[in-house]
Amino acid sequence: MKLTLARPARKPDVWVNLARGENTLFDPDTGKVHLLNDTALAIWDLCDGETYPAEMLDAICELCNMQPEVVSQDLERVLGEFQRAGLIEWVP
């Protein structure tokens, strides 16, 4: 995973809905709904503008008892998807 000196921050007006076993994000600017699995939701929670991706990697590995090689691919993919969807911005 490419480590960065920037931290991902959630777009403030995105709504989170955890209902009926589904995790969804709603972006009122675009009108789009994004379905998240549990891993993506955990990453979303860590997009607080304070946590670096390397720290996210450590936290998820510890929580899930998984190897960094496995988690880093998911983390990079999910952060990339959030960025392409305009759900996060990067804070220096």
PDB file of N, CA and C in Angstrom:
ATOM      1  N   MET A   1       0.844  -1.189   0.000  1.00  0.00           N
ATOM      2  CA  MET A   1       0.000   0.000   0.000  1.00  0.00           C
ATOM      3  C   MET A   1       0.880   1.241   0.000  1.00  0.00           C
ATOM      4  N   LYS A   2       0.497   2.188  -0.775  1.00  0.00           N
ATOM      5  CA  LYS A   2       1.230   3.447  -0.801  1.00  0.00           C
ATOM      6  C   LYS A   2       0.887   4.222   0.471  1.00  0.00           C
ATOM      7  N   LEU A   3       1.881   4.443   1.290  1.00  0.00           N
ATOM      8  CA  LEU A   3       1.645   5.231   2.495  1.00  0.00           C
ATOM      9  C   LEU A   3       1.695   6.696   2.122  1.00  0.00           C
ATOM     10  N   THR A   4       0.847   7.449   2.737  1.00  0.00           N
ATOM     11  CA  THR A   4       0.735   8.858   2.394  1.00  0.00           C
ATOM     12  C   THR A   4       0.871   9.707   3.645  1.00  0.00           C
ATOM     13  N   LEU A   5       1.255  10.934   3.446  1.00  0.00           N
ATOM     14  CA  LEU A   5       1.352  11.867   4.562  1.00  0.00           C
ATOM     15  C   LEU A   5       0.045  12.616   4.768  1.00  0.00           C
ATOM     16  N   ALA A   6      -0.950  12.282   3.971  1.00  0.00           N
ATOM     17  CA  ALA A   6      -2.271  12.898   4.109  1.00  0.00           C
ATOM     18  C   ALA A   6      -3.205  11.920   4.814  1.00  0.00           C
ATOM     19  N   ARG A   7      -4.259  12.484   5.379  1.00  0.00           N
ATOM     20  CA  ARG A   7      -5.258  11.681   6.104  1.00  0.00           C
ATOM     21  C   ARG A   7      -6.609  11.852   5.425  1.00  0.00           C
ATOM     22  N   PRO A   8      -7.341  10.754   5.248  1.00  0.00           N
ATOM     23  CA  PRO A   8      -8.654  10.874   4.631  1.00  0.00           C
ATOM     24  C   PRO A   8      -9.691  11.384   5.633  1.00  0.00           C
ATOM     25  N   ALA A   9     -10.522  12.310   5.163  1.00  0.00           N
ATOM     26  CA  ALA A   9     -11.589  12.876   5.996  1.00  0.00           C
ATOM     27  C   ALA A   9     -12.926  12.685   5.278  1.00  0.00           C
ATOM     28  N   ARG A  10     -13.911  12.205   6.024  1.00  0.00           N
ATOM     29  CA  ARG A  10     -15.255  12.026   5.462  1.00  0.00           C
ATOM     30  C   ARG A  10     -15.830  13.363   5.032  1.00  0.00           C
ATOM     31  N   LYS A  11     -16.541  13.359   3.918  1.00  0.00           N
ATOM     32  CA  LYS A  11     -17.287  14.538   3.500  1.00  0.00           C
ATOM     33  C   LYS A  11     -18.381  14.756   4.546  1.00  0.00           C
ATOM     34  N   PRO A  12     -18.486  15.946   5.112  1.00  0.00           N
ATOM     35  CA  PRO A  12     -19.343  16.148   6.292  1.00  0.00           C
ATOM     36  C   PRO A  12     -20.839  15.953   6.081  1.00  0.00           C
ATOM     37  N   ASP A  13     -21.324  16.133   4.872  1.00  0.00           N
ATOM     38  CA  ASP A  13     -22.773  16.054   4.687  1.00  0.00           C
ATOM     39  C   ASP A  13     -23.269  14.678   4.250  1.00  0.00           C
ATOM     40  N   VAL A  14     -22.377  13.682   4.221  1.00  0.00           N
ATOM     41  CA  VAL A  14     -22.769  12.319   3.850  1.00  0.00           C
ATOM     42  C   VAL A  14     -23.461  11.662   5.042  1.00  0.00           C
ATOM     43  N   TRP A  15     -24.595  11.048   4.770  1.00  0.00           N
ATOM     44  CA  TRP A  15     -25.385  10.390   5.822  1.00  0.00           C
ATOM     45  C   TRP A  15     -25.040   8.916   5.869  1.00  0.00           C
ATOM     46  N   VAL A  16     -24.974   8.380   7.079  1.00  0.00           N
ATOM     47  CA  VAL A  16     -24.743   6.957   7.292  1.00  0.00           C
ATOM     48  C   VAL A  16     -26.035   6.353   7.809  1.00  0.00           C
ATOM     49  N   ASN A  17     -26.421   5.221   7.239  1.00  0.00           N
ATOM     50  CA  ASN A  17     -27.614   4.519   7.693  1.00  0.00           C
ATOM     51  C   ASN A  17     -27.261   3.053   7.917  1.00  0.00           C
ATOM     52  N   LEU A  18     -27.479   2.602   9.137  1.00  0.00           N
ATOM     53  CA  LEU A  18     -27.227   1.209   9.495  1.00  0.00           C
ATOM     54  C   LEU A  18     -28.572   0.601   9.866  1.00  0.00           C
ATOM     55  N   ALA A  19     -29.210  -0.031   8.907  1.00  0.00           N
ATOM     56  CA  ALA A  19     -30.544  -0.573   9.155  1.00  0.00           C
ATOM     57  C   ALA A  19     -30.753  -1.869   8.387  1.00  0.00           C
ATOM     58  N   ARG A  20     -31.480  -2.754   9.005  1.00  0.00           N
ATOM     59  CA  ARG A  20     -31.858  -4.018   8.367  1.00  0.00           C
ATOM     60  C   ARG A  20     -30.658  -4.789   7.837  1.00  0.00           C
ATOM     61  N   GLY A  21     -29.563  -4.735   8.559  1.00  0.00           N
ATOM     62  CA  GLY A  21     -28.378  -5.475   8.160  1.00  0.00           C
ATOM     63  C   GLY A  21     -27.613  -4.879   6.995  1.00  0.00           C
ATOM     64  N   GLU A  22     -27.969  -3.670   6.574  1.00  0.00           N
ATOM     65  CA  GLU A  22     -27.260  -3.004   5.489  1.00  0.00           C
ATOM     66  C   GLU A  22     -26.598  -1.727   5.989  1.00  0.00           C
ATOM     67  N   ASN A  23     -25.400  -1.514   5.517  1.00  0.00           N
ATOM     68  CA  ASN A  23     -24.657  -0.291   5.817  1.00  0.00           C
ATOM     69  C   ASN A  23     -24.665   0.552   4.552  1.00  0.00           C
ATOM     70  N   THR A  24     -25.244   1.727   4.631  1.00  0.00           N
ATOM     71  CA  THR A  24     -25.314   2.578   3.446  1.00  0.00           C
ATOM     72  C   THR A  24     -24.828   3.989   3.759  1.00  0.00           C
ATOM     73  N   LEU A  25     -24.275   4.606   2.734  1.00  0.00           N
ATOM     74  CA  LEU A  25     -23.920   6.021   2.771  1.00  0.00           C
ATOM     75  C   LEU A  25     -24.778   6.712   1.731  1.00  0.00           C
ATOM     76  N   PHE A  26     -25.278   7.883   2.071  1.00  0.00           N
ATOM     77  CA  PHE A  26     -26.043   8.683   1.115  1.00  0.00           C
ATOM     78  C   PHE A  26     -25.358  10.026   0.963  1.00  0.00           C
ATOM     79  N   ASP A  27     -25.033  10.360  -0.268  1.00  0.00           N
ATOM     80  CA  ASP A  27     -24.412  11.645  -0.571  1.00  0.00           C
ATOM     81  C   ASP A  27     -25.488  12.565  -1.138  1.00  0.00           C
ATOM     82  N   PRO A  28     -25.953  13.538  -0.353  1.00  0.00           N
ATOM     83  CA  PRO A  28     -27.017  14.414  -0.839  1.00  0.00           C
ATOM     84  C   PRO A  28     -26.598  15.295  -2.021  1.00  0.00           C
ATOM     85  N   ASP A  29     -25.305  15.543  -2.178  1.00  0.00           N
ATOM     86  CA  ASP A  29     -24.842  16.351  -3.313  1.00  0.00           C
ATOM     87  C   ASP A  29     -25.053  15.643  -4.644  1.00  0.00           C
ATOM     88  N   THR A  30     -24.872  14.317  -4.644  1.00  0.00           N
ATOM     89  CA  THR A  30     -25.001  13.553  -5.888  1.00  0.00           C
ATOM     90  C   THR A  30     -26.293  12.737  -5.939  1.00  0.00           C
ATOM     91  N   GLY A  31     -26.919  12.538  -4.779  1.00  0.00           N
ATOM     92  CA  GLY A  31     -28.115  11.701  -4.705  1.00  0.00           C
ATOM     93  C   GLY A  31     -27.799  10.224  -4.755  1.00  0.00           C
ATOM     94  N   LYS A  32     -26.527   9.855  -4.639  1.00  0.00           N
ATOM     95  CA  LYS A  32     -26.120   8.451  -4.740  1.00  0.00           C
ATOM     96  C   LYS A  32     -26.102   7.779  -3.370  1.00  0.00           C
ATOM     97  N   VAL A  33     -26.473   6.500  -3.393  1.00  0.00           N
ATOM     98  CA  VAL A  33     -26.411   5.642  -2.217  1.00  0.00           C
ATOM     99  C   VAL A  33     -25.282   4.637  -2.450  1.00  0.00           C
ATOM    100  N   HIS A  34     -24.465   4.437  -1.444  1.00  0.00           N
ATOM    101  CA  HIS A  34     -23.336   3.514  -1.522  1.00  0.00           C
ATOM    102  C   HIS A  34     -23.518   2.433  -0.462  1.00  0.00           C
ATOM    103  N   LEU A  35     -23.524   1.172  -0.886  1.00  0.00           N
ATOM    104  CA  LEU A  35     -23.622   0.057   0.045  1.00  0.00           C
ATOM    105  C   LEU A  35     -22.223  -0.317   0.506  1.00  0.00           C
ATOM    106  N   LEU A  36     -22.069  -0.520   1.818  1.00  0.00           N
ATOM    107  CA  LEU A  36     -20.768  -0.859   2.387  1.00  0.00           C
ATOM    108  C   LEU A  36     -20.835  -2.208   3.086  1.00  0.00           C
ATOM    109  N   ASN A  37     -19.789  -3.015   2.905  1.00  0.00           N
ATOM    110  CA  ASN A  37     -19.680  -4.198   3.739  1.00  0.00           C
ATOM    111  C   ASN A  37     -19.082  -3.762   5.083  1.00  0.00           C
ATOM    112  N   ASP A  38     -18.948  -4.694   6.009  1.00  0.00           N
ATOM    113  CA  ASP A  38     -18.470  -4.332   7.353  1.00  0.00           C
ATOM    114  C   ASP A  38     -17.054  -3.757   7.333  1.00  0.00           C
ATOM    115  N   THR A  39     -16.207  -4.289   6.456  1.00  0.00           N
ATOM    116  CA  THR A  39     -14.837  -3.772   6.363  1.00  0.00           C
ATOM    117  C   THR A  39     -14.832  -2.333   5.865  1.00  0.00           C
ATOM    118  N   ALA A  40     -15.605  -2.060   4.821  1.00  0.00           N
ATOM    119  CA  ALA A  40     -15.670  -0.702   4.283  1.00  0.00           C
ATOM    120  C   ALA A  40     -16.256   0.264   5.315  1.00  0.00           C
ATOM    121  N   LEU A  41     -17.231  -0.199   6.092  1.00  0.00           N
ATOM    122  CA  LEU A  41     -17.804   0.653   7.138  1.00  0.00           C
ATOM    123  C   LEU A  41     -16.760   0.969   8.204  1.00  0.00           C
ATOM    124  N   ALA A  42     -15.950  -0.017   8.576  1.00  0.00           N
ATOM    125  CA  ALA A  42     -14.882   0.227   9.556  1.00  0.00           C
ATOM    126  C   ALA A  42     -13.886   1.245   9.017  1.00  0.00           C
ATOM    127  N   ILE A  43     -13.550   1.137   7.738  1.00  0.00           N
ATOM    128  CA  ILE A  43     -12.634   2.101   7.120  1.00  0.00           C
ATOM    129  C   ILE A  43     -13.278   3.484   7.077  1.00  0.00           C
ATOM    130  N   TRP A  44     -14.569   3.544   6.752  1.00  0.00           N
ATOM    131  CA  TRP A  44     -15.295   4.824   6.748  1.00  0.00           C
ATOM    132  C   TRP A  44     -15.203   5.483   8.120  1.00  0.00           C
ATOM    133  N   ASP A  45     -15.394   4.701   9.170  1.00  0.00           N
ATOM    134  CA  ASP A  45     -15.322   5.246  10.529  1.00  0.00           C
ATOM    135  C   ASP A  45     -13.944   5.814  10.837  1.00  0.00           C
ATOM    136  N   LEU A  46     -12.915   5.221  10.246  1.00  0.00           N
ATOM    137  CA  LEU A  46     -11.546   5.684  10.489  1.00  0.00           C
ATOM    138  C   LEU A  46     -11.177   6.904   9.642  1.00  0.00           C
ATOM    139  N   CYS A  47     -12.010   7.266   8.693  1.00  0.00           N
ATOM    140  CA  CYS A  47     -11.765   8.451   7.853  1.00  0.00           C
ATOM    141  C   CYS A  47     -12.205   9.698   8.623  1.00  0.00           C
ATOM    142  N   ASP A  48     -11.476   9.996   9.676  1.00  0.00           N
ATOM    143  CA  ASP A  48     -11.839  11.086  10.571  1.00  0.00           C
ATOM    144  C   ASP A  48     -11.000  12.345  10.367  1.00  0.00           C
ATOM    145  N   GLY A  49     -10.100  12.303   9.395  1.00  0.00           N
ATOM    146  CA  GLY A  49      -9.220  13.444   9.157  1.00  0.00           C
ATOM    147  C   GLY A  49      -8.050  13.506  10.111  1.00  0.00           C
ATOM    148  N   GLU A  50      -7.994  12.563  11.038  1.00  0.00           N
ATOM    149  CA  GLU A  50      -6.913  12.515  12.030  1.00  0.00           C
ATOM    150  C   GLU A  50      -6.046  11.265  11.879  1.00  0.00           C
ATOM    151  N   THR A  51      -6.596  10.244  11.242  1.00  0.00           N
ATOM    152  CA  THR A  51      -5.947   8.936  11.186  1.00  0.00           C
ATOM    153  C   THR A  51      -5.306   8.733   9.811  1.00  0.00           C
ATOM    154  N   TYR A  52      -4.014   8.428   9.830  1.00  0.00           N
ATOM    155  CA  TYR A  52      -3.287   8.149   8.601  1.00  0.00           C
ATOM    156  C   TYR A  52      -3.604   6.728   8.124  1.00  0.00           C
ATOM    157  N   PRO A  53      -3.505   6.478   6.802  1.00  0.00           N
ATOM    158  CA  PRO A  53      -3.756   5.134   6.303  1.00  0.00           C
ATOM    159  C   PRO A  53      -2.913   4.054   6.976  1.00  0.00           C
ATOM    160  N   ALA A  54      -1.670   4.354   7.305  1.00  0.00           N
ATOM    161  CA  ALA A  54      -0.828   3.363   7.989  1.00  0.00           C
ATOM    162  C   ALA A  54      -1.405   3.013   9.364  1.00  0.00           C
ATOM    163  N   GLU A  55      -1.963   3.996  10.046  1.00  0.00           N
ATOM    164  CA  GLU A  55      -2.599   3.745  11.345  1.00  0.00           C
ATOM    165  C   GLU A  55      -3.882   2.947  11.165  1.00  0.00           C
ATOM    166  N   MET A  56      -4.613   3.223  10.076  1.00  0.00           N
ATOM    167  CA  MET A  56      -5.814   2.447   9.769  1.00  0.00           C
ATOM    168  C   MET A  56      -5.451   0.983   9.568  1.00  0.00           C
ATOM    169  N   LEU A  57      -4.389   0.766   8.815  1.00  0.00           N
ATOM    170  CA  LEU A  57      -3.922  -0.587   8.537  1.00  0.00           C
ATOM    171  C   LEU A  57      -3.616  -1.326   9.839  1.00  0.00           C
ATOM    172  N   ASP A  58      -2.886  -0.681  10.730  1.00  0.00           N
ATOM    173  CA  ASP A  58      -2.548  -1.296  12.018  1.00  0.00           C
ATOM    174  C   ASP A  58      -3.799  -1.616  12.822  1.00  0.00           C
ATOM    175  N   ALA A  59      -4.746  -0.689  12.870  1.00  0.00           N
ATOM    176  CA  ALA A  59      -5.966  -0.888  13.663  1.00  0.00           C
ATOM    177  C   ALA A  59      -6.799  -2.043  13.119  1.00  0.00           C
ATOM    178  N   ILE A  60      -6.958  -2.106  11.798  1.00  0.00           N
ATOM    179  CA  ILE A  60      -7.767  -3.166  11.208  1.00  0.00           C
ATOM    180  C   ILE A  60      -7.089  -4.524  11.377  1.00  0.00           C
ATOM    181  N   CYS A  61      -5.781  -4.566  11.207  1.00  0.00           N
ATOM    182  CA  CYS A  61      -5.048  -5.828  11.402  1.00  0.00           C
ATOM    183  C   CYS A  61      -5.212  -6.332  12.832  1.00  0.00           C
ATOM    184  N   GLU A  62      -5.112  -5.422  13.787  1.00  0.00           N
ATOM    185  CA  GLU A  62      -5.256  -5.813  15.191  1.00  0.00           C
ATOM    186  C   GLU A  62      -6.679  -6.263  15.496  1.00  0.00           C
ATOM    187  N   LEU A  63      -7.645  -5.533  15.011  1.00  0.00           N
ATOM    188  CA  LEU A  63      -9.047  -5.846  15.265  1.00  0.00           C
ATOM    189  C   LEU A  63      -9.459  -7.183  14.643  1.00  0.00           C
ATOM    190  N   CYS A  64      -9.021  -7.425  13.419  1.00  0.00           N
ATOM    191  CA  CYS A  64      -9.445  -8.620  12.679  1.00  0.00           C
ATOM    192  C   CYS A  64      -8.452  -9.778  12.764  1.00  0.00           C
ATOM    193  N   ASN A  65      -7.309  -9.529  13.387  1.00  0.00           N
ATOM    194  CA  ASN A  65      -6.260 -10.544  13.492  1.00  0.00           C
ATOM    195  C   ASN A  65      -5.862 -11.057  12.098  1.00  0.00           C
ATOM    196  N   MET A  66      -5.654 -10.100  11.186  1.00  0.00           N
ATOM    197  CA  MET A  66      -5.280 -10.439   9.813  1.00  0.00           C
ATOM    198  C   MET A  66      -3.914  -9.857   9.498  1.00  0.00           C
ATOM    199  N   GLN A  67      -3.287 -10.410   8.472  1.00  0.00           N
ATOM    200  CA  GLN A  67      -1.961  -9.980   8.050  1.00  0.00           C
ATOM    201  C   GLN A  67      -2.044  -8.665   7.259  1.00  0.00           C
ATOM    202  N   PRO A  68      -1.063  -7.788   7.429  1.00  0.00           N
ATOM    203  CA  PRO A  68      -1.059  -6.504   6.719  1.00  0.00           C
ATOM    204  C   PRO A  68      -1.127  -6.651   5.198  1.00  0.00           C
ATOM    205  N   GLU A  69      -0.521  -7.702   4.636  1.00  0.00           N
ATOM    206  CA  GLU A  69      -0.528  -7.885   3.189  1.00  0.00           C
ATOM    207  C   GLU A  69      -1.952  -8.026   2.656  1.00  0.00           C
ATOM    208  N   VAL A  70      -2.806  -8.689   3.415  1.00  0.00           N
ATOM    209  CA  VAL A  70      -4.196  -8.902   3.004  1.00  0.00           C
ATOM    210  C   VAL A  70      -4.998  -7.620   3.198  1.00  0.00           C
ATOM    211  N   VAL A  71      -4.863  -7.019   4.358  1.00  0.00           N
ATOM    212  CA  VAL A  71      -5.651  -5.836   4.708  1.00  0.00           C
ATOM    213  C   VAL A  71      -5.269  -4.634   3.852  1.00  0.00           C
ATOM    214  N   SER A  72      -3.997  -4.486   3.526  1.00  0.00           N
ATOM    215  CA  SER A  72      -3.557  -3.301   2.788  1.00  0.00           C
ATOM    216  C   SER A  72      -4.219  -3.212   1.416  1.00  0.00           C
ATOM    217  N   GLN A  73      -4.434  -4.345   0.768  1.00  0.00           N
ATOM    218  CA  GLN A  73      -5.097  -4.332  -0.544  1.00  0.00           C
ATOM    219  C   GLN A  73      -6.537  -3.837  -0.410  1.00  0.00           C
ATOM    220  N   ASP A  74      -7.257  -4.337   0.592  1.00  0.00           N
ATOM    221  CA  ASP A  74      -8.635  -3.890   0.812  1.00  0.00           C
ATOM    222  C   ASP A  74      -8.684  -2.417   1.187  1.00  0.00           C
ATOM    223  N   LEU A  75      -7.780  -2.003   2.062  1.00  0.00           N
ATOM    224  CA  LEU A  75      -7.751  -0.614   2.507  1.00  0.00           C
ATOM    225  C   LEU A  75      -7.495   0.324   1.334  1.00  0.00           C
ATOM    226  N   GLU A  76      -6.516  -0.005   0.521  1.00  0.00           N
ATOM    227  CA  GLU A  76      -6.204   0.847  -0.629  1.00  0.00           C
ATOM    228  C   GLU A  76      -7.375   0.889  -1.610  1.00  0.00           C
ATOM    229  N   ARG A  77      -8.000  -0.245  -1.852  1.00  0.00           N
ATOM    230  CA  ARG A  77      -9.136  -0.312  -2.778  1.00  0.00           C
ATOM    231  C   ARG A  77     -10.311   0.517  -2.267  1.00  0.00           C
ATOM    232  N   VAL A  78     -10.646   0.359  -0.975  1.00  0.00           N
ATOM    233  CA  VAL A  78     -11.798   1.066  -0.408  1.00  0.00           C
ATOM    234  C   VAL A  78     -11.544   2.569  -0.368  1.00  0.00           C
ATOM    235  N   LEU A  79     -10.366   2.980   0.057  1.00  0.00           N
ATOM    236  CA  LEU A  79     -10.061   4.412   0.067  1.00  0.00           C
ATOM    237  C   LEU A  79     -10.117   4.982  -1.349  1.00  0.00           C
ATOM    238  N   GLY A  80      -9.638   4.220  -2.322  1.00  0.00           N
ATOM    239  CA  GLY A  80      -9.718   4.663  -3.710  1.00  0.00           C
ATOM    240  C   GLY A  80     -11.160   4.813  -4.176  1.00  0.00           C
ATOM    241  N   GLU A  81     -12.010   3.855  -3.795  1.00  0.00           N
ATOM    242  CA  GLU A  81     -13.427   3.937  -4.160  1.00  0.00           C
ATOM    243  C   GLU A  81     -14.101   5.134  -3.490  1.00  0.00           C
ATOM    244  N   PHE A  82     -13.786   5.364  -2.215  1.00  0.00           N
ATOM    245  CA  PHE A  82     -14.343   6.534  -1.525  1.00  0.00           C
ATOM    246  C   PHE A  82     -13.914   7.818  -2.230  1.00  0.00           C
ATOM    247  N   GLN A  83     -12.635   7.885  -2.611  1.00  0.00           N
ATOM    248  CA  GLN A  83     -12.121   9.087  -3.262  1.00  0.00           C
ATOM    249  C   GLN A  83     -12.791   9.296  -4.615  1.00  0.00           C
ATOM    250  N   ARG A  84     -12.873   8.242  -5.424  1.00  0.00           N
ATOM    251  CA  ARG A  84     -13.496   8.368  -6.750  1.00  0.00           C
ATOM    252  C   ARG A  84     -14.969   8.766  -6.645  1.00  0.00           C
ATOM    253  N   ALA A  85     -15.643   8.336  -5.570  1.00  0.00           N
ATOM    254  CA  ALA A  85     -17.052   8.677  -5.371  1.00  0.00           C
ATOM    255  C   ALA A  85     -17.217  10.069  -4.760  1.00  0.00           C
ATOM    256  N   GLY A  86     -16.100  10.717  -4.407  1.00  0.00           N
ATOM    257  CA  GLY A  86     -16.174  12.050  -3.808  1.00  0.00           C
ATOM    258  C   GLY A  86     -16.651  12.041  -2.367  1.00  0.00           C
ATOM    259  N   LEU A  87     -16.455  10.908  -1.680  1.00  0.00           N
ATOM    260  CA  LEU A  87     -16.934  10.782  -0.296  1.00  0.00           C
ATOM    261  C   LEU A  87     -15.910  11.222   0.741  1.00  0.00           C
ATOM    262  N   ILE A  88     -14.648  11.316   0.327  1.00  0.00           N
ATOM    263  CA  ILE A  88     -13.589  11.743   1.240  1.00  0.00           C
ATOM    264  C   ILE A  88     -12.756  12.827   0.568  1.00  0.00           C
ATOM    265  N   GLU A  89     -12.053  13.562   1.415  1.00  0.00           N
ATOM    266  CA  GLU A  89     -11.036  14.495   0.940  1.00  0.00           C
ATOM    267  C   GLU A  89      -9.787  14.204   1.754  1.00  0.00           C
ATOM    268  N   TRP A  90      -8.655  14.576   1.216  1.00  0.00           N
ATOM    269  CA  TRP A  90      -7.376  14.297   1.884  1.00  0.00           C
ATOM    270  C   TRP A  90      -6.880  15.549   2.598  1.00  0.00           C
ATOM    271  N   VAL A  91      -6.561  15.379   3.862  1.00  0.00           N
ATOM    272  CA  VAL A  91      -6.104  16.470   4.724  1.00  0.00           C
ATOM    273  C   VAL A  91      -4.595  16.319   4.908  1.00  0.00           C
ATOM    274  N   PRO A  92      -3.826  17.382   4.613  1.00  0.00           N
ATOM    275  CA  PRO A  92      -2.357  17.283   4.796  1.00  0.00           C
ATOM    276  C   PRO A  92      -1.976  17.229   6.272  1.00  0.00           C
TER     277      PRO A  92
END
